[in-house]
Structure formats: C-alpha cells, structure tokens
Amino acid sequence: SSAMAYKRNPMRSERIASLSRYVMIDALN
C-alpha cells in the first residue's frame, strides 16, 4: 500500500478475480 507500509495485499489473487470477471462477462459477446 502506498499509505499503509505494513500491508501485504493479495494483489495477484485480486487480479485473478478481476480478469476472471472480464472473461465471464465477455462470454456473452
């Protein structure tokens, strides 16, 4: 985190969720 130096955010897992959401919605196209 740019503000909270102690944090260990699960950013890769969050990116998996983010891209997965895109693919699931994209399947409607």
mmCIF file of all heavy atoms, coordinates in Angstrom:
data_MODEL
# 
_entry.id   MODEL 
# 
loop_
_atom_site.group_PDB 
_atom_site.id 
_atom_site.type_symbol 
_atom_site.label_atom_id 
_atom_site.label_alt_id 
_atom_site.label_comp_id 
_atom_site.label_asym_id 
_atom_site.label_entity_id 
_atom_site.label_seq_id 
_atom_site.pdbx_PDB_ins_code 
_atom_site.Cartn_x 
_atom_site.Cartn_y 
_atom_site.Cartn_z 
_atom_site.occupancy 
_atom_site.B_iso_or_equiv 
_atom_site.pdbx_formal_charge 
_atom_site.auth_seq_id 
_atom_site.auth_comp_id 
_atom_site.auth_asym_id 
_atom_site.auth_atom_id 
_atom_site.pdbx_PDB_model_num 
ATOM 1   N N   . SER A 1 1  ? 0.850   -1.189  0.000   1.00 0.00 ? 1  SER A N   1 
ATOM 2   C CA  . SER A 1 1  ? 0.000   0.000   0.000   1.00 0.00 ? 1  SER A CA  1 
ATOM 3   C C   . SER A 1 1  ? 0.885   1.237   0.000   1.00 0.00 ? 1  SER A C   1 
ATOM 4   O O   . SER A 1 1  ? 1.913   1.276   0.677   1.00 0.00 ? 1  SER A O   1 
ATOM 5   C CB  . SER A 1 1  ? -0.914  0.009   1.232   1.00 0.00 ? 1  SER A CB  1 
ATOM 6   O OG  . SER A 1 1  ? -1.517  1.273   1.408   1.00 0.00 ? 1  SER A OG  1 
ATOM 7   N N   . SER A 1 2  ? 0.465   2.249   -0.769  1.00 0.00 ? 2  SER A N   1 
ATOM 8   C CA  . SER A 1 2  ? 1.246   3.483   -0.813  1.00 0.00 ? 2  SER A CA  1 
ATOM 9   C C   . SER A 1 2  ? 1.157   4.254   0.498   1.00 0.00 ? 2  SER A C   1 
ATOM 10  O O   . SER A 1 2  ? 2.021   5.061   0.820   1.00 0.00 ? 2  SER A O   1 
ATOM 11  C CB  . SER A 1 2  ? 0.756   4.372   -1.964  1.00 0.00 ? 2  SER A CB  1 
ATOM 12  O OG  . SER A 1 2  ? -0.599  4.731   -1.758  1.00 0.00 ? 2  SER A OG  1 
ATOM 13  N N   . ALA A 1 3  ? 0.093   4.003   1.286   1.00 0.00 ? 3  ALA A N   1 
ATOM 14  C CA  . ALA A 1 3  ? -0.090  4.719   2.555   1.00 0.00 ? 3  ALA A CA  1 
ATOM 15  C C   . ALA A 1 3  ? 0.271   3.847   3.755   1.00 0.00 ? 3  ALA A C   1 
ATOM 16  O O   . ALA A 1 3  ? 0.937   4.297   4.684   1.00 0.00 ? 3  ALA A O   1 
ATOM 17  C CB  . ALA A 1 3  ? -1.536  5.184   2.672   1.00 0.00 ? 3  ALA A CB  1 
ATOM 18  N N   . MET A 1 4  ? -0.188  2.571   3.708   1.00 0.00 ? 4  MET A N   1 
ATOM 19  C CA  . MET A 1 4  ? -0.010  1.686   4.869   1.00 0.00 ? 4  MET A CA  1 
ATOM 20  C C   . MET A 1 4  ? 1.137   0.723   4.595   1.00 0.00 ? 4  MET A C   1 
ATOM 21  O O   . MET A 1 4  ? 0.957   -0.318  3.953   1.00 0.00 ? 4  MET A O   1 
ATOM 22  C CB  . MET A 1 4  ? -1.317  0.942   5.134   1.00 0.00 ? 4  MET A CB  1 
ATOM 23  C CG  . MET A 1 4  ? -2.454  1.878   5.536   1.00 0.00 ? 4  MET A CG  1 
ATOM 24  S SD  . MET A 1 4  ? -4.090  1.102   5.495   1.00 0.00 ? 4  MET A SD  1 
ATOM 25  C CE  . MET A 1 4  ? -4.460  1.195   3.732   1.00 0.00 ? 4  MET A CE  1 
ATOM 26  N N   . ALA A 1 5  ? 2.303   1.057   5.068   1.00 0.00 ? 5  ALA A N   1 
ATOM 27  C CA  . ALA A 1 5  ? 3.527   0.334   4.708   1.00 0.00 ? 5  ALA A CA  1 
ATOM 28  C C   . ALA A 1 5  ? 3.540   -1.108  5.204   1.00 0.00 ? 5  ALA A C   1 
ATOM 29  O O   . ALA A 1 5  ? 4.275   -1.944  4.674   1.00 0.00 ? 5  ALA A O   1 
ATOM 30  C CB  . ALA A 1 5  ? 4.744   1.086   5.254   1.00 0.00 ? 5  ALA A CB  1 
ATOM 31  N N   . TYR A 1 6  ? 2.738   -1.410  6.215   1.00 0.00 ? 6  TYR A N   1 
ATOM 32  C CA  . TYR A 1 6  ? 2.739   -2.748  6.798   1.00 0.00 ? 6  TYR A CA  1 
ATOM 33  C C   . TYR A 1 6  ? 1.945   -3.754  5.975   1.00 0.00 ? 6  TYR A C   1 
ATOM 34  O O   . TYR A 1 6  ? 2.028   -4.959  6.202   1.00 0.00 ? 6  TYR A O   1 
ATOM 35  C CB  . TYR A 1 6  ? 2.146   -2.696  8.213   1.00 0.00 ? 6  TYR A CB  1 
ATOM 36  C CG  . TYR A 1 6  ? 0.709   -2.234  8.235   1.00 0.00 ? 6  TYR A CG  1 
ATOM 37  C CD1 . TYR A 1 6  ? -0.338  -3.141  8.097   1.00 0.00 ? 6  TYR A CD1 1 
ATOM 38  C CD2 . TYR A 1 6  ? 0.397   -0.884  8.381   1.00 0.00 ? 6  TYR A CD2 1 
ATOM 39  C CE1 . TYR A 1 6  ? -1.658  -2.717  8.097   1.00 0.00 ? 6  TYR A CE1 1 
ATOM 40  C CE2 . TYR A 1 6  ? -0.920  -0.446  8.391   1.00 0.00 ? 6  TYR A CE2 1 
ATOM 41  C CZ  . TYR A 1 6  ? -1.933  -1.357  8.252   1.00 0.00 ? 6  TYR A CZ  1 
ATOM 42  O OH  . TYR A 1 6  ? -3.240  -0.932  8.253   1.00 0.00 ? 6  TYR A OH  1 
ATOM 43  N N   . LYS A 1 7  ? 1.160   -3.290  5.004   1.00 0.00 ? 7  LYS A N   1 
ATOM 44  C CA  . LYS A 1 7  ? 0.171   -4.154  4.360   1.00 0.00 ? 7  LYS A CA  1 
ATOM 45  C C   . LYS A 1 7  ? 0.786   -5.151  3.381   1.00 0.00 ? 7  LYS A C   1 
ATOM 46  O O   . LYS A 1 7  ? 1.759   -4.865  2.700   1.00 0.00 ? 7  LYS A O   1 
ATOM 47  C CB  . LYS A 1 7  ? -0.881  -3.312  3.622   1.00 0.00 ? 7  LYS A CB  1 
ATOM 48  C CG  . LYS A 1 7  ? -1.759  -2.490  4.554   1.00 0.00 ? 7  LYS A CG  1 
ATOM 49  C CD  . LYS A 1 7  ? -3.015  -2.013  3.858   1.00 0.00 ? 7  LYS A CD  1 
ATOM 50  C CE  . LYS A 1 7  ? -4.023  -3.128  3.746   1.00 0.00 ? 7  LYS A CE  1 
ATOM 51  N NZ  . LYS A 1 7  ? -5.272  -2.681  3.111   1.00 0.00 ? 7  LYS A NZ  1 
ATOM 52  N N   . ARG A 1 8  ? 0.141   -6.343  3.334   1.00 0.00 ? 8  ARG A N   1 
ATOM 53  C CA  . ARG A 1 8  ? 0.503   -7.382  2.366   1.00 0.00 ? 8  ARG A CA  1 
ATOM 54  C C   . ARG A 1 8  ? -0.762  -7.735  1.586   1.00 0.00 ? 8  ARG A C   1 
ATOM 55  O O   . ARG A 1 8  ? -1.401  -8.750  1.828   1.00 0.00 ? 8  ARG A O   1 
ATOM 56  C CB  . ARG A 1 8  ? 1.058   -8.609  3.087   1.00 0.00 ? 8  ARG A CB  1 
ATOM 57  C CG  . ARG A 1 8  ? 2.395   -8.393  3.765   1.00 0.00 ? 8  ARG A CG  1 
ATOM 58  C CD  . ARG A 1 8  ? 2.715   -9.554  4.701   1.00 0.00 ? 8  ARG A CD  1 
ATOM 59  N NE  . ARG A 1 8  ? 2.897   -10.806 3.972   1.00 0.00 ? 8  ARG A NE  1 
ATOM 60  C CZ  . ARG A 1 8  ? 4.085   -11.324 3.638   1.00 0.00 ? 8  ARG A CZ  1 
ATOM 61  N NH1 . ARG A 1 8  ? 5.194   -10.680 3.964   1.00 0.00 ? 8  ARG A NH1 1 
ATOM 62  N NH2 . ARG A 1 8  ? 4.173   -12.469 2.994   1.00 0.00 ? 8  ARG A NH2 1 
ATOM 63  N N   . ASN A 1 9  ? -1.148  -6.842  0.688   1.00 0.00 ? 9  ASN A N   1 
ATOM 64  C CA  . ASN A 1 9  ? -2.390  -7.034  -0.047  1.00 0.00 ? 9  ASN A CA  1 
ATOM 65  C C   . ASN A 1 9  ? -2.283  -8.221  -1.012  1.00 0.00 ? 9  ASN A C   1 
ATOM 66  O O   . ASN A 1 9  ? -1.244  -8.399  -1.664  1.00 0.00 ? 9  ASN A O   1 
ATOM 67  C CB  . ASN A 1 9  ? -2.741  -5.774  -0.838  1.00 0.00 ? 9  ASN A CB  1 
ATOM 68  C CG  . ASN A 1 9  ? -3.021  -4.593  0.062   1.00 0.00 ? 9  ASN A CG  1 
ATOM 69  O OD1 . ASN A 1 9  ? -3.366  -4.772  1.224   1.00 0.00 ? 9  ASN A OD1 1 
ATOM 70  N ND2 . ASN A 1 9  ? -2.856  -3.386  -0.452  1.00 0.00 ? 9  ASN A ND2 1 
ATOM 71  N N   . PRO A 1 10 ? -3.351  -9.003  -1.151  1.00 0.00 ? 10 PRO A N   1 
ATOM 72  C CA  . PRO A 1 10 ? -3.343  -10.147 -2.075  1.00 0.00 ? 10 PRO A CA  1 
ATOM 73  C C   . PRO A 1 10 ? -3.584  -9.696  -3.514  1.00 0.00 ? 10 PRO A C   1 
ATOM 74  O O   . PRO A 1 10 ? -4.562  -10.087 -4.157  1.00 0.00 ? 10 PRO A O   1 
ATOM 75  C CB  . PRO A 1 10 ? -4.483  -11.012 -1.545  1.00 0.00 ? 10 PRO A CB  1 
ATOM 76  C CG  . PRO A 1 10 ? -5.450  -10.028 -0.983  1.00 0.00 ? 10 PRO A CG  1 
ATOM 77  C CD  . PRO A 1 10 ? -4.614  -8.914  -0.399  1.00 0.00 ? 10 PRO A CD  1 
ATOM 78  N N   . MET A 1 11 ? -2.686  -8.889  -4.050  1.00 0.00 ? 11 MET A N   1 
ATOM 79  C CA  . MET A 1 11 ? -2.948  -8.219  -5.328  1.00 0.00 ? 11 MET A CA  1 
ATOM 80  C C   . MET A 1 11 ? -3.011  -9.199  -6.503  1.00 0.00 ? 11 MET A C   1 
ATOM 81  O O   . MET A 1 11 ? -3.746  -8.963  -7.455  1.00 0.00 ? 11 MET A O   1 
ATOM 82  C CB  . MET A 1 11 ? -1.890  -7.133  -5.590  1.00 0.00 ? 11 MET A CB  1 
ATOM 83  C CG  . MET A 1 11 ? -0.435  -7.540  -5.421  1.00 0.00 ? 11 MET A CG  1 
ATOM 84  S SD  . MET A 1 11 ? 0.286   -8.385  -6.853  1.00 0.00 ? 11 MET A SD  1 
ATOM 85  C CE  . MET A 1 11 ? 0.338   -7.053  -8.030  1.00 0.00 ? 11 MET A CE  1 
ATOM 86  N N   . ARG A 1 12 ? -2.277  -10.289 -6.447  1.00 0.00 ? 12 ARG A N   1 
ATOM 87  C CA  . ARG A 1 12 ? -2.327  -11.232 -7.571  1.00 0.00 ? 12 ARG A CA  1 
ATOM 88  C C   . ARG A 1 12 ? -3.659  -11.981 -7.585  1.00 0.00 ? 12 ARG A C   1 
ATOM 89  O O   . ARG A 1 12 ? -4.254  -12.195 -8.646  1.00 0.00 ? 12 ARG A O   1 
ATOM 90  C CB  . ARG A 1 12 ? -1.152  -12.198 -7.497  1.00 0.00 ? 12 ARG A CB  1 
ATOM 91  C CG  . ARG A 1 12 ? 0.190   -11.484 -7.631  1.00 0.00 ? 12 ARG A CG  1 
ATOM 92  C CD  . ARG A 1 12 ? 1.373   -12.405 -7.530  1.00 0.00 ? 12 ARG A CD  1 
ATOM 93  N NE  . ARG A 1 12 ? 2.546   -11.638 -7.082  1.00 0.00 ? 12 ARG A NE  1 
ATOM 94  C CZ  . ARG A 1 12 ? 3.762   -12.111 -7.004  1.00 0.00 ? 12 ARG A CZ  1 
ATOM 95  N NH1 . ARG A 1 12 ? 4.016   -13.361 -7.335  1.00 0.00 ? 12 ARG A NH1 1 
ATOM 96  N NH2 . ARG A 1 12 ? 4.759   -11.352 -6.582  1.00 0.00 ? 12 ARG A NH2 1 
ATOM 97  N N   . SER A 1 13 ? -4.099  -12.361 -6.403  1.00 0.00 ? 13 SER A N   1 
ATOM 98  C CA  . SER A 1 13 ? -5.419  -13.007 -6.322  1.00 0.00 ? 13 SER A CA  1 
ATOM 99  C C   . SER A 1 13 ? -6.516  -12.038 -6.735  1.00 0.00 ? 13 SER A C   1 
ATOM 100 O O   . SER A 1 13 ? -7.489  -12.428 -7.397  1.00 0.00 ? 13 SER A O   1 
ATOM 101 C CB  . SER A 1 13 ? -5.667  -13.499 -4.898  1.00 0.00 ? 13 SER A CB  1 
ATOM 102 O OG  . SER A 1 13 ? -4.689  -14.441 -4.520  1.00 0.00 ? 13 SER A OG  1 
ATOM 103 N N   . GLU A 1 14 ? -6.367  -10.798 -6.358  1.00 0.00 ? 14 GLU A N   1 
ATOM 104 C CA  . GLU A 1 14 ? -7.351  -9.791  -6.761  1.00 0.00 ? 14 GLU A CA  1 
ATOM 105 C C   . GLU A 1 14 ? -7.350  -9.608  -8.278  1.00 0.00 ? 14 GLU A C   1 
ATOM 106 O O   . GLU A 1 14 ? -8.397  -9.425  -8.896  1.00 0.00 ? 14 GLU A O   1 
ATOM 107 C CB  . GLU A 1 14 ? -7.052  -8.466  -6.058  1.00 0.00 ? 14 GLU A CB  1 
ATOM 108 C CG  . GLU A 1 14 ? -7.360  -8.508  -4.568  1.00 0.00 ? 14 GLU A CG  1 
ATOM 109 C CD  . GLU A 1 14 ? -6.871  -7.284  -3.810  1.00 0.00 ? 14 GLU A CD  1 
ATOM 110 O OE1 . GLU A 1 14 ? -5.823  -6.711  -4.179  1.00 0.00 ? 14 GLU A OE1 1 
ATOM 111 O OE2 . GLU A 1 14 ? -7.536  -6.896  -2.842  1.00 0.00 ? 14 GLU A OE2 1 
ATOM 112 N N   . ARG A 1 15 ? -6.182  -9.685  -8.882  1.00 0.00 ? 15 ARG A N   1 
ATOM 113 C CA  . ARG A 1 15 ? -6.107  -9.556  -10.339 1.00 0.00 ? 15 ARG A CA  1 
ATOM 114 C C   . ARG A 1 15 ? -6.723  -10.766 -11.025 1.00 0.00 ? 15 ARG A C   1 
ATOM 115 O O   . ARG A 1 15 ? -7.370  -10.641 -12.075 1.00 0.00 ? 15 ARG A O   1 
ATOM 116 C CB  . ARG A 1 15 ? -4.657  -9.371  -10.789 1.00 0.00 ? 15 ARG A CB  1 
ATOM 117 C CG  . ARG A 1 15 ? -4.536  -9.035  -12.279 1.00 0.00 ? 15 ARG A CG  1 
ATOM 118 C CD  . ARG A 1 15 ? -3.100  -8.809  -12.697 1.00 0.00 ? 15 ARG A CD  1 
ATOM 119 N NE  . ARG A 1 15 ? -2.512  -7.710  -11.945 1.00 0.00 ? 15 ARG A NE  1 
ATOM 120 C CZ  . ARG A 1 15 ? -1.199  -7.506  -11.844 1.00 0.00 ? 15 ARG A CZ  1 
ATOM 121 N NH1 . ARG A 1 15 ? -0.358  -8.344  -12.423 1.00 0.00 ? 15 ARG A NH1 1 
ATOM 122 N NH2 . ARG A 1 15 ? -0.738  -6.487  -11.168 1.00 0.00 ? 15 ARG A NH2 1 
ATOM 123 N N   . ILE A 1 16 ? -6.534  -11.949 -10.435 1.00 0.00 ? 16 ILE A N   1 
ATOM 124 C CA  . ILE A 1 16 ? -7.208  -13.138 -10.972 1.00 0.00 ? 16 ILE A CA  1 
ATOM 125 C C   . ILE A 1 16 ? -8.716  -12.912 -10.979 1.00 0.00 ? 16 ILE A C   1 
ATOM 126 O O   . ILE A 1 16 ? -9.399  -13.174 -11.980 1.00 0.00 ? 16 ILE A O   1 
ATOM 127 C CB  . ILE A 1 16 ? -6.859  -14.386 -10.137 1.00 0.00 ? 16 ILE A CB  1 
ATOM 128 C CG1 . ILE A 1 16 ? -5.398  -14.801 -10.354 1.00 0.00 ? 16 ILE A CG1 1 
ATOM 129 C CG2 . ILE A 1 16 ? -7.788  -15.554 -10.503 1.00 0.00 ? 16 ILE A CG2 1 
ATOM 130 C CD1 . ILE A 1 16 ? -4.922  -15.919 -9.431  1.00 0.00 ? 16 ILE A CD1 1 
ATOM 131 N N   . ALA A 1 17 ? -9.238  -12.416 -9.862  1.00 0.00 ? 17 ALA A N   1 
ATOM 132 C CA  . ALA A 1 17 ? -10.681 -12.169 -9.768  1.00 0.00 ? 17 ALA A CA  1 
ATOM 133 C C   . ALA A 1 17 ? -11.125 -11.125 -10.786 1.00 0.00 ? 17 ALA A C   1 
ATOM 134 O O   . ALA A 1 17 ? -12.164 -11.274 -11.440 1.00 0.00 ? 17 ALA A O   1 
ATOM 135 C CB  . ALA A 1 17 ? -11.035 -11.711 -8.352  1.00 0.00 ? 17 ALA A CB  1 
ATOM 136 N N   . SER A 1 18 ? -10.327 -10.095 -10.938 1.00 0.00 ? 18 SER A N   1 
ATOM 137 C CA  . SER A 1 18 ? -10.683 -9.004  -11.847 1.00 0.00 ? 18 SER A CA  1 
ATOM 138 C C   . SER A 1 18 ? -10.722 -9.469  -13.297 1.00 0.00 ? 18 SER A C   1 
ATOM 139 O O   . SER A 1 18 ? -11.690 -9.219  -14.027 1.00 0.00 ? 18 SER A O   1 
ATOM 140 C CB  . SER A 1 18 ? -9.676  -7.864  -11.672 1.00 0.00 ? 18 SER A CB  1 
ATOM 141 O OG  . SER A 1 18 ? -10.029 -6.756  -12.455 1.00 0.00 ? 18 SER A OG  1 
ATOM 142 N N   . LEU A 1 19 ? -9.678  -10.168 -13.735 1.00 0.00 ? 19 LEU A N   1 
ATOM 143 C CA  . LEU A 1 19 ? -9.633  -10.659 -15.109 1.00 0.00 ? 19 LEU A CA  1 
ATOM 144 C C   . LEU A 1 19 ? -10.676 -11.749 -15.338 1.00 0.00 ? 19 LEU A C   1 
ATOM 145 O O   . LEU A 1 19 ? -11.263 -11.839 -16.425 1.00 0.00 ? 19 LEU A O   1 
ATOM 146 C CB  . LEU A 1 19 ? -8.235  -11.185 -15.435 1.00 0.00 ? 19 LEU A CB  1 
ATOM 147 C CG  . LEU A 1 19 ? -7.123  -10.134 -15.558 1.00 0.00 ? 19 LEU A CG  1 
ATOM 148 C CD1 . LEU A 1 19 ? -5.761  -10.810 -15.714 1.00 0.00 ? 19 LEU A CD1 1 
ATOM 149 C CD2 . LEU A 1 19 ? -7.381  -9.199  -16.739 1.00 0.00 ? 19 LEU A CD2 1 
ATOM 150 N N   . SER A 1 20 ? -10.913 -12.571 -14.326 1.00 0.00 ? 20 SER A N   1 
ATOM 151 C CA  . SER A 1 20 ? -11.927 -13.629 -14.451 1.00 0.00 ? 20 SER A CA  1 
ATOM 152 C C   . SER A 1 20 ? -13.307 -13.033 -14.679 1.00 0.00 ? 20 SER A C   1 
ATOM 153 O O   . SER A 1 20 ? -14.096 -13.531 -15.491 1.00 0.00 ? 20 SER A O   1 
ATOM 154 C CB  . SER A 1 20 ? -11.939 -14.502 -13.199 1.00 0.00 ? 20 SER A CB  1 
ATOM 155 O OG  . SER A 1 20 ? -10.720 -15.201 -13.058 1.00 0.00 ? 20 SER A OG  1 
ATOM 156 N N   . ARG A 1 21 ? -13.600 -11.974 -13.966 1.00 0.00 ? 21 ARG A N   1 
ATOM 157 C CA  . ARG A 1 21 ? -14.882 -11.292 -14.140 1.00 0.00 ? 21 ARG A CA  1 
ATOM 158 C C   . ARG A 1 21 ? -15.021 -10.811 -15.589 1.00 0.00 ? 21 ARG A C   1 
ATOM 159 O O   . ARG A 1 21 ? -16.093 -10.912 -16.196 1.00 0.00 ? 21 ARG A O   1 
ATOM 160 C CB  . ARG A 1 21 ? -14.963 -10.117 -13.164 1.00 0.00 ? 21 ARG A CB  1 
ATOM 161 C CG  . ARG A 1 21 ? -16.321 -9.462  -13.063 1.00 0.00 ? 21 ARG A CG  1 
ATOM 162 C CD  . ARG A 1 21 ? -16.274 -8.345  -12.020 1.00 0.00 ? 21 ARG A CD  1 
ATOM 163 N NE  . ARG A 1 21 ? -15.725 -8.809  -10.763 1.00 0.00 ? 21 ARG A NE  1 
ATOM 164 C CZ  . ARG A 1 21 ? -14.845 -8.135  -10.031 1.00 0.00 ? 21 ARG A CZ  1 
ATOM 165 N NH1 . ARG A 1 21 ? -14.414 -6.947  -10.435 1.00 0.00 ? 21 ARG A NH1 1 
ATOM 166 N NH2 . ARG A 1 21 ? -14.409 -8.626  -8.891  1.00 0.00 ? 21 ARG A NH2 1 
ATOM 167 N N   . TYR A 1 22 ? -13.934 -10.308 -16.137 1.00 0.00 ? 22 TYR A N   1 
ATOM 168 C CA  . TYR A 1 22 ? -13.960 -9.830  -17.524 1.00 0.00 ? 22 TYR A CA  1 
ATOM 169 C C   . TYR A 1 22 ? -14.279 -10.982 -18.485 1.00 0.00 ? 22 TYR A C   1 
ATOM 170 O O   . TYR A 1 22 ? -15.120 -10.837 -19.386 1.00 0.00 ? 22 TYR A O   1 
ATOM 171 C CB  . TYR A 1 22 ? -12.615 -9.201  -17.895 1.00 0.00 ? 22 TYR A CB  1 
ATOM 172 C CG  . TYR A 1 22 ? -12.583 -8.713  -19.323 1.00 0.00 ? 22 TYR A CG  1 
ATOM 173 C CD1 . TYR A 1 22 ? -13.090 -7.464  -19.666 1.00 0.00 ? 22 TYR A CD1 1 
ATOM 174 C CD2 . TYR A 1 22 ? -12.102 -9.524  -20.344 1.00 0.00 ? 22 TYR A CD2 1 
ATOM 175 C CE1 . TYR A 1 22 ? -13.101 -7.028  -20.983 1.00 0.00 ? 22 TYR A CE1 1 
ATOM 176 C CE2 . TYR A 1 22 ? -12.116 -9.097  -21.659 1.00 0.00 ? 22 TYR A CE2 1 
ATOM 177 C CZ  . TYR A 1 22 ? -12.608 -7.854  -21.977 1.00 0.00 ? 22 TYR A CZ  1 
ATOM 178 O OH  . TYR A 1 22 ? -12.634 -7.437  -23.279 1.00 0.00 ? 22 TYR A OH  1 
ATOM 179 N N   . VAL A 1 23 ? -13.620 -12.122 -18.300 1.00 0.00 ? 23 VAL A N   1 
ATOM 180 C CA  . VAL A 1 23 ? -13.837 -13.251 -19.206 1.00 0.00 ? 23 VAL A CA  1 
ATOM 181 C C   . VAL A 1 23 ? -15.262 -13.766 -19.103 1.00 0.00 ? 23 VAL A C   1 
ATOM 182 O O   . VAL A 1 23 ? -15.911 -14.058 -20.119 1.00 0.00 ? 23 VAL A O   1 
ATOM 183 C CB  . VAL A 1 23 ? -12.829 -14.385 -18.918 1.00 0.00 ? 23 VAL A CB  1 
ATOM 184 C CG1 . VAL A 1 23 ? -13.134 -15.607 -19.782 1.00 0.00 ? 23 VAL A CG1 1 
ATOM 185 C CG2 . VAL A 1 23 ? -11.400 -13.908 -19.175 1.00 0.00 ? 23 VAL A CG2 1 
ATOM 186 N N   . MET A 1 24 ? -15.770 -13.887 -17.879 1.00 0.00 ? 24 MET A N   1 
ATOM 187 C CA  . MET A 1 24 ? -17.126 -14.405 -17.710 1.00 0.00 ? 24 MET A CA  1 
ATOM 188 C C   . MET A 1 24 ? -18.165 -13.503 -18.371 1.00 0.00 ? 24 MET A C   1 
ATOM 189 O O   . MET A 1 24 ? -19.117 -13.986 -18.994 1.00 0.00 ? 24 MET A O   1 
ATOM 190 C CB  . MET A 1 24 ? -17.431 -14.584 -16.223 1.00 0.00 ? 24 MET A CB  1 
ATOM 191 C CG  . MET A 1 24 ? -16.697 -15.761 -15.593 1.00 0.00 ? 24 MET A CG  1 
ATOM 192 S SD  . MET A 1 24 ? -17.158 -16.040 -13.862 1.00 0.00 ? 24 MET A SD  1 
ATOM 193 C CE  . MET A 1 24 ? -16.081 -14.870 -13.025 1.00 0.00 ? 24 MET A CE  1 
ATOM 194 N N   . ILE A 1 25 ? -17.980 -12.210 -18.277 1.00 0.00 ? 25 ILE A N   1 
ATOM 195 C CA  . ILE A 1 25 ? -18.905 -11.279 -18.930 1.00 0.00 ? 25 ILE A CA  1 
ATOM 196 C C   . ILE A 1 25 ? -18.665 -11.255 -20.443 1.00 0.00 ? 25 ILE A C   1 
ATOM 197 O O   . ILE A 1 25 ? -19.608 -11.197 -21.244 1.00 0.00 ? 25 ILE A O   1 
ATOM 198 C CB  . ILE A 1 25 ? -18.748 -9.861  -18.341 1.00 0.00 ? 25 ILE A CB  1 
ATOM 199 C CG1 . ILE A 1 25 ? -19.119 -9.862  -16.851 1.00 0.00 ? 25 ILE A CG1 1 
ATOM 200 C CG2 . ILE A 1 25 ? -19.614 -8.859  -19.102 1.00 0.00 ? 25 ILE A CG2 1 
ATOM 201 C CD1 . ILE A 1 25 ? -20.518 -10.318 -16.546 1.00 0.00 ? 25 ILE A CD1 1 
ATOM 202 N N   . ASP A 1 26 ? -17.414 -11.350 -20.844 1.00 0.00 ? 26 ASP A N   1 
ATOM 203 C CA  . ASP A 1 26 ? -17.072 -11.336 -22.268 1.00 0.00 ? 26 ASP A CA  1 
ATOM 204 C C   . ASP A 1 26 ? -17.707 -12.510 -23.013 1.00 0.00 ? 26 ASP A C   1 
ATOM 205 O O   . ASP A 1 26 ? -17.979 -12.419 -24.205 1.00 0.00 ? 26 ASP A O   1 
ATOM 206 C CB  . ASP A 1 26 ? -15.540 -11.372 -22.424 1.00 0.00 ? 26 ASP A CB  1 
ATOM 207 C CG  . ASP A 1 26 ? -15.089 -11.222 -23.867 1.00 0.00 ? 26 ASP A CG  1 
ATOM 208 O OD1 . ASP A 1 26 ? -15.576 -10.297 -24.553 1.00 0.00 ? 26 ASP A OD1 1 
ATOM 209 O OD2 . ASP A 1 26 ? -14.245 -12.020 -24.319 1.00 0.00 ? 26 ASP A OD2 1 
ATOM 210 N N   . ALA A 1 27 ? -17.952 -13.603 -22.294 1.00 0.00 ? 27 ALA A N   1 
ATOM 211 C CA  . ALA A 1 27 ? -18.563 -14.776 -22.932 1.00 0.00 ? 27 ALA A CA  1 
ATOM 212 C C   . ALA A 1 27 ? -19.950 -14.478 -23.485 1.00 0.00 ? 27 ALA A C   1 
ATOM 213 O O   . ALA A 1 27 ? -20.462 -15.231 -24.330 1.00 0.00 ? 27 ALA A O   1 
ATOM 214 C CB  . ALA A 1 27 ? -18.629 -15.932 -21.934 1.00 0.00 ? 27 ALA A CB  1 
ATOM 215 N N   . LEU A 1 28 ? -20.560 -13.385 -23.050 1.00 0.00 ? 28 LEU A N   1 
ATOM 216 C CA  . LEU A 1 28 ? -21.855 -13.001 -23.608 1.00 0.00 ? 28 LEU A CA  1 
ATOM 217 C C   . LEU A 1 28 ? -21.730 -12.489 -25.040 1.00 0.00 ? 28 LEU A C   1 
ATOM 218 O O   . LEU A 1 28 ? -22.683 -12.567 -25.822 1.00 0.00 ? 28 LEU A O   1 
ATOM 219 C CB  . LEU A 1 28 ? -22.505 -11.919 -22.740 1.00 0.00 ? 28 LEU A CB  1 
ATOM 220 C CG  . LEU A 1 28 ? -22.953 -12.340 -21.337 1.00 0.00 ? 28 LEU A CG  1 
ATOM 221 C CD1 . LEU A 1 28 ? -23.403 -11.124 -20.544 1.00 0.00 ? 28 LEU A CD1 1 
ATOM 222 C CD2 . LEU A 1 28 ? -24.081 -13.359 -21.438 1.00 0.00 ? 28 LEU A CD2 1 
ATOM 223 N N   . ASN A 1 29 ? -20.574 -11.951 -25.386 1.00 0.00 ? 29 ASN A N   1 
ATOM 224 C CA  . ASN A 1 29 ? -20.401 -11.377 -26.728 1.00 0.00 ? 29 ASN A CA  1 
ATOM 225 C C   . ASN A 1 29 ? -20.608 -12.392 -27.847 1.00 0.00 ? 29 ASN A C   1 
ATOM 226 O O   . ASN A 1 29 ? -21.415 -12.157 -28.755 1.00 0.00 ? 29 ASN A O   1 
ATOM 227 C CB  . ASN A 1 29 ? -19.020 -10.714 -26.832 1.00 0.00 ? 29 ASN A CB  1 
ATOM 228 C CG  . ASN A 1 29 ? -19.018 -9.304  -26.307 1.00 0.00 ? 29 ASN A CG  1 
ATOM 229 O OD1 . ASN A 1 29 ? -19.713 -8.438  -26.815 1.00 0.00 ? 29 ASN A OD1 1 
ATOM 230 N ND2 . ASN A 1 29 ? -18.235 -9.058  -25.269 1.00 0.00 ? 29 ASN A ND2 1 
# 
